[in-house]
Amino acid sequence: MFGLGCGLVFGLGGGLVFGLGVGLVGGLSRGWGAVIQHYSLRIALWREGGIPLNYVRFLCQCHAALLLQLDDGIFRFRHPLLQDYFADMWEGAEEPVPANTPATRP
């Protein structure tokens, strides 16, 4: 009787530990690609001056300055005129010249 109970306990415990371990390793290995892509994009945009490094703090400061409103975890512009202003700035920006293309002079 001792062998059956011991085998049952160790079998269930070992299976639980093994299953959780394999699930954890599998889940992390499948998700690490997205994490690396996310942070490499954030660092690249920060180095080019496109966004601040601590983007959440920047958005919270804009919210405190009443530029943005927070609805269910989504930041939105408070007024459509402000949104249109930034959209017009974006559309009017010049296209950057790629680094490997020689600049043409008039």
C-alpha atoms as a PDB file:
ATOM      1  CA  MET A   1       0.000   0.000   0.000  1.00  0.00           C
ATOM      2  CA  PHE A   2       2.882   2.328   0.758  1.00  0.00           C
ATOM      3  CA  GLY A   3       4.251   1.946  -2.786  1.00  0.00           C
ATOM      4  CA  LEU A   4       0.936   2.828  -4.445  1.00  0.00           C
ATOM      5  CA  GLY A   5       0.363   5.947  -2.326  1.00  0.00           C
ATOM      6  CA  CYS A   6       3.953   7.073  -2.717  1.00  0.00           C
ATOM      7  CA  GLY A   7       3.820   6.526  -6.475  1.00  0.00           C
ATOM      8  CA  LEU A   8       0.529   8.386  -6.721  1.00  0.00           C
ATOM      9  CA  VAL A   9       1.820  11.374  -4.751  1.00  0.00           C
ATOM     10  CA  PHE A  10       5.147  11.545  -6.582  1.00  0.00           C
ATOM     11  CA  GLY A  11       3.493  10.907  -9.932  1.00  0.00           C
ATOM     12  CA  LEU A  12       0.924  13.677  -9.515  1.00  0.00           C
ATOM     13  CA  GLY A  13       3.428  16.063  -7.917  1.00  0.00           C
ATOM     14  CA  GLY A  14       6.070  15.379 -10.540  1.00  0.00           C
ATOM     15  CA  GLY A  15       3.550  15.721 -13.340  1.00  0.00           C
ATOM     16  CA  LEU A  16       2.320  19.015 -11.920  1.00  0.00           C
ATOM     17  CA  VAL A  17       5.832  20.420 -11.534  1.00  0.00           C
ATOM     18  CA  PHE A  18       6.901  19.173 -14.981  1.00  0.00           C
ATOM     19  CA  GLY A  19       3.745  20.487 -16.654  1.00  0.00           C
ATOM     20  CA  LEU A  20       4.025  23.905 -15.037  1.00  0.00           C
ATOM     21  CA  GLY A  21       7.719  24.078 -15.884  1.00  0.00           C
ATOM     22  CA  VAL A  22       7.204  23.152 -19.542  1.00  0.00           C
ATOM     23  CA  GLY A  23       4.248  25.535 -19.802  1.00  0.00           C
ATOM     24  CA  LEU A  24       6.214  28.382 -18.263  1.00  0.00           C
ATOM     25  CA  VAL A  25       9.259  27.841 -20.470  1.00  0.00           C
ATOM     26  CA  GLY A  26       7.089  27.437 -23.568  1.00  0.00           C
ATOM     27  CA  GLY A  27       5.046  30.532 -22.839  1.00  0.00           C
ATOM     28  CA  LEU A  28       8.082  32.664 -22.133  1.00  0.00           C
ATOM     29  CA  SER A  29       9.934  31.427 -25.212  1.00  0.00           C
ATOM     30  CA  ARG A  30       6.960  32.246 -27.433  1.00  0.00           C
ATOM     31  CA  GLY A  31       6.493  35.683 -25.866  1.00  0.00           C
ATOM     32  CA  TRP A  32      10.122  36.791 -25.673  1.00  0.00           C
ATOM     33  CA  GLY A  33      10.159  37.704 -29.365  1.00  0.00           C
ATOM     34  CA  ALA A  34       7.393  40.249 -28.857  1.00  0.00           C
ATOM     35  CA  VAL A  35       9.095  41.663 -25.756  1.00  0.00           C
ATOM     36  CA  ILE A  36      12.409  42.092 -27.576  1.00  0.00           C
ATOM     37  CA  GLN A  37      10.679  43.717 -30.570  1.00  0.00           C
ATOM     38  CA  HIS A  38       8.763  46.085 -28.287  1.00  0.00           C
ATOM     39  CA  TYR A  39      11.774  47.312 -26.346  1.00  0.00           C
ATOM     40  CA  SER A  40      14.083  47.514 -29.367  1.00  0.00           C
ATOM     41  CA  LEU A  41      11.486  49.702 -31.135  1.00  0.00           C
ATOM     42  CA  ARG A  42      11.136  51.925 -28.067  1.00  0.00           C
ATOM     43  CA  ILE A  43      14.903  52.354 -27.781  1.00  0.00           C
ATOM     44  CA  ALA A  44      15.300  53.052 -31.514  1.00  0.00           C
ATOM     45  CA  LEU A  45      12.561  55.702 -31.452  1.00  0.00           C
ATOM     46  CA  TRP A  46      14.039  57.253 -28.307  1.00  0.00           C
ATOM     47  CA  ARG A  47      17.531  57.437 -29.826  1.00  0.00           C
ATOM     48  CA  GLU A  48      16.145  59.195 -32.911  1.00  0.00           C
ATOM     49  CA  GLY A  49      14.270  61.682 -30.729  1.00  0.00           C
ATOM     50  CA  GLY A  50      10.822  60.451 -31.738  1.00  0.00           C
ATOM     51  CA  ILE A  51       9.512  59.583 -28.280  1.00  0.00           C
ATOM     52  CA  PRO A  52      10.654  59.991 -24.672  1.00  0.00           C
ATOM     53  CA  LEU A  53      12.171  56.938 -23.027  1.00  0.00           C
ATOM     54  CA  ASN A  54       9.555  56.849 -20.252  1.00  0.00           C
ATOM     55  CA  TYR A  55       6.488  57.165 -22.474  1.00  0.00           C
ATOM     56  CA  VAL A  56       3.921  56.405 -19.777  1.00  0.00           C
ATOM     57  CA  ARG A  57       5.215  59.253 -17.592  1.00  0.00           C
ATOM     58  CA  PHE A  58       5.062  61.582 -20.618  1.00  0.00           C
ATOM     59  CA  LEU A  59       1.434  60.656 -21.269  1.00  0.00           C
ATOM     60  CA  CYS A  60       0.557  61.130 -17.585  1.00  0.00           C
ATOM     61  CA  GLN A  61       2.160  64.577 -17.637  1.00  0.00           C
ATOM     62  CA  CYS A  62       0.113  65.481 -20.729  1.00  0.00           C
ATOM     63  CA  HIS A  63      -2.964  64.259 -18.874  1.00  0.00           C
ATOM     64  CA  ALA A  64      -2.066  66.428 -15.862  1.00  0.00           C
ATOM     65  CA  ALA A  65      -1.598  69.422 -18.197  1.00  0.00           C
ATOM     66  CA  LEU A  66      -5.141  68.779 -19.527  1.00  0.00           C
ATOM     67  CA  LEU A  67      -3.942  68.017 -23.072  1.00  0.00           C
ATOM     68  CA  LEU A  68      -5.139  64.421 -22.926  1.00  0.00           C
ATOM     69  CA  GLN A  69      -8.010  62.658 -21.244  1.00  0.00           C
ATOM     70  CA  LEU A  70      -7.884  59.107 -19.955  1.00  0.00           C
ATOM     71  CA  ASP A  71     -10.845  56.842 -20.748  1.00  0.00           C
ATOM     72  CA  ASP A  72     -10.571  53.205 -19.647  1.00  0.00           C
ATOM     73  CA  GLY A  73      -6.786  53.146 -20.063  1.00  0.00           C
ATOM     74  CA  ILE A  74      -6.823  54.928 -23.442  1.00  0.00           C
ATOM     75  CA  PHE A  75      -5.362  58.403 -23.820  1.00  0.00           C
ATOM     76  CA  ARG A  76      -7.278  60.739 -26.137  1.00  0.00           C
ATOM     77  CA  PHE A  77      -6.976  64.385 -27.064  1.00  0.00           C
ATOM     78  CA  ARG A  78      -9.405  66.533 -25.127  1.00  0.00           C
ATOM     79  CA  HIS A  79     -10.445  68.600 -28.115  1.00  0.00           C
ATOM     80  CA  PRO A  80     -10.720  67.705 -31.826  1.00  0.00           C
ATOM     81  CA  LEU A  81      -9.021  70.986 -32.796  1.00  0.00           C
ATOM     82  CA  LEU A  82      -5.885  69.913 -30.917  1.00  0.00           C
ATOM     83  CA  GLN A  83      -5.967  66.542 -32.646  1.00  0.00           C
ATOM     84  CA  ASP A  84      -6.394  68.200 -36.057  1.00  0.00           C
ATOM     85  CA  TYR A  85      -3.511  70.575 -35.315  1.00  0.00           C
ATOM     86  CA  PHE A  86      -1.103  67.714 -34.612  1.00  0.00           C
ATOM     87  CA  ALA A  87      -2.403  65.746 -37.598  1.00  0.00           C
ATOM     88  CA  ASP A  88      -1.737  68.730 -39.876  1.00  0.00           C
ATOM     89  CA  MET A  89       1.774  69.057 -38.434  1.00  0.00           C
ATOM     90  CA  TRP A  90       2.399  65.381 -39.181  1.00  0.00           C
ATOM     91  CA  GLU A  91       1.113  65.625 -42.762  1.00  0.00           C
ATOM     92  CA  GLY A  92       3.139  68.784 -43.437  1.00  0.00           C
ATOM     93  CA  ALA A  93       6.413  67.282 -42.250  1.00  0.00           C
ATOM     94  CA  GLU A  94       9.035  66.614 -44.894  1.00  0.00           C
ATOM     95  CA  GLU A  95       9.967  63.057 -45.725  1.00  0.00           C
ATOM     96  CA  PRO A  96      13.389  62.203 -44.275  1.00  0.00           C
ATOM     97  CA  VAL A  97      16.157  61.420 -46.727  1.00  0.00           C
ATOM     98  CA  PRO A  98      17.414  57.829 -46.258  1.00  0.00           C
ATOM     99  CA  ALA A  99      20.957  57.620 -44.946  1.00  0.00           C
ATOM    100  CA  ASN A 100      22.265  55.616 -47.910  1.00  0.00           C
ATOM    101  CA  THR A 101      20.904  58.052 -50.535  1.00  0.00           C
ATOM    102  CA  PRO A 102      23.071  61.044 -51.476  1.00  0.00           C
ATOM    103  CA  ALA A 103      21.356  64.364 -50.843  1.00  0.00           C
ATOM    104  CA  THR A 104      20.575  66.338 -53.992  1.00  0.00           C
ATOM    105  CA  ARG A 105      21.336  70.033 -54.070  1.00  0.00           C
ATOM    106  CA  PRO A 106      19.498  72.549 -56.282  1.00  0.00           C
END
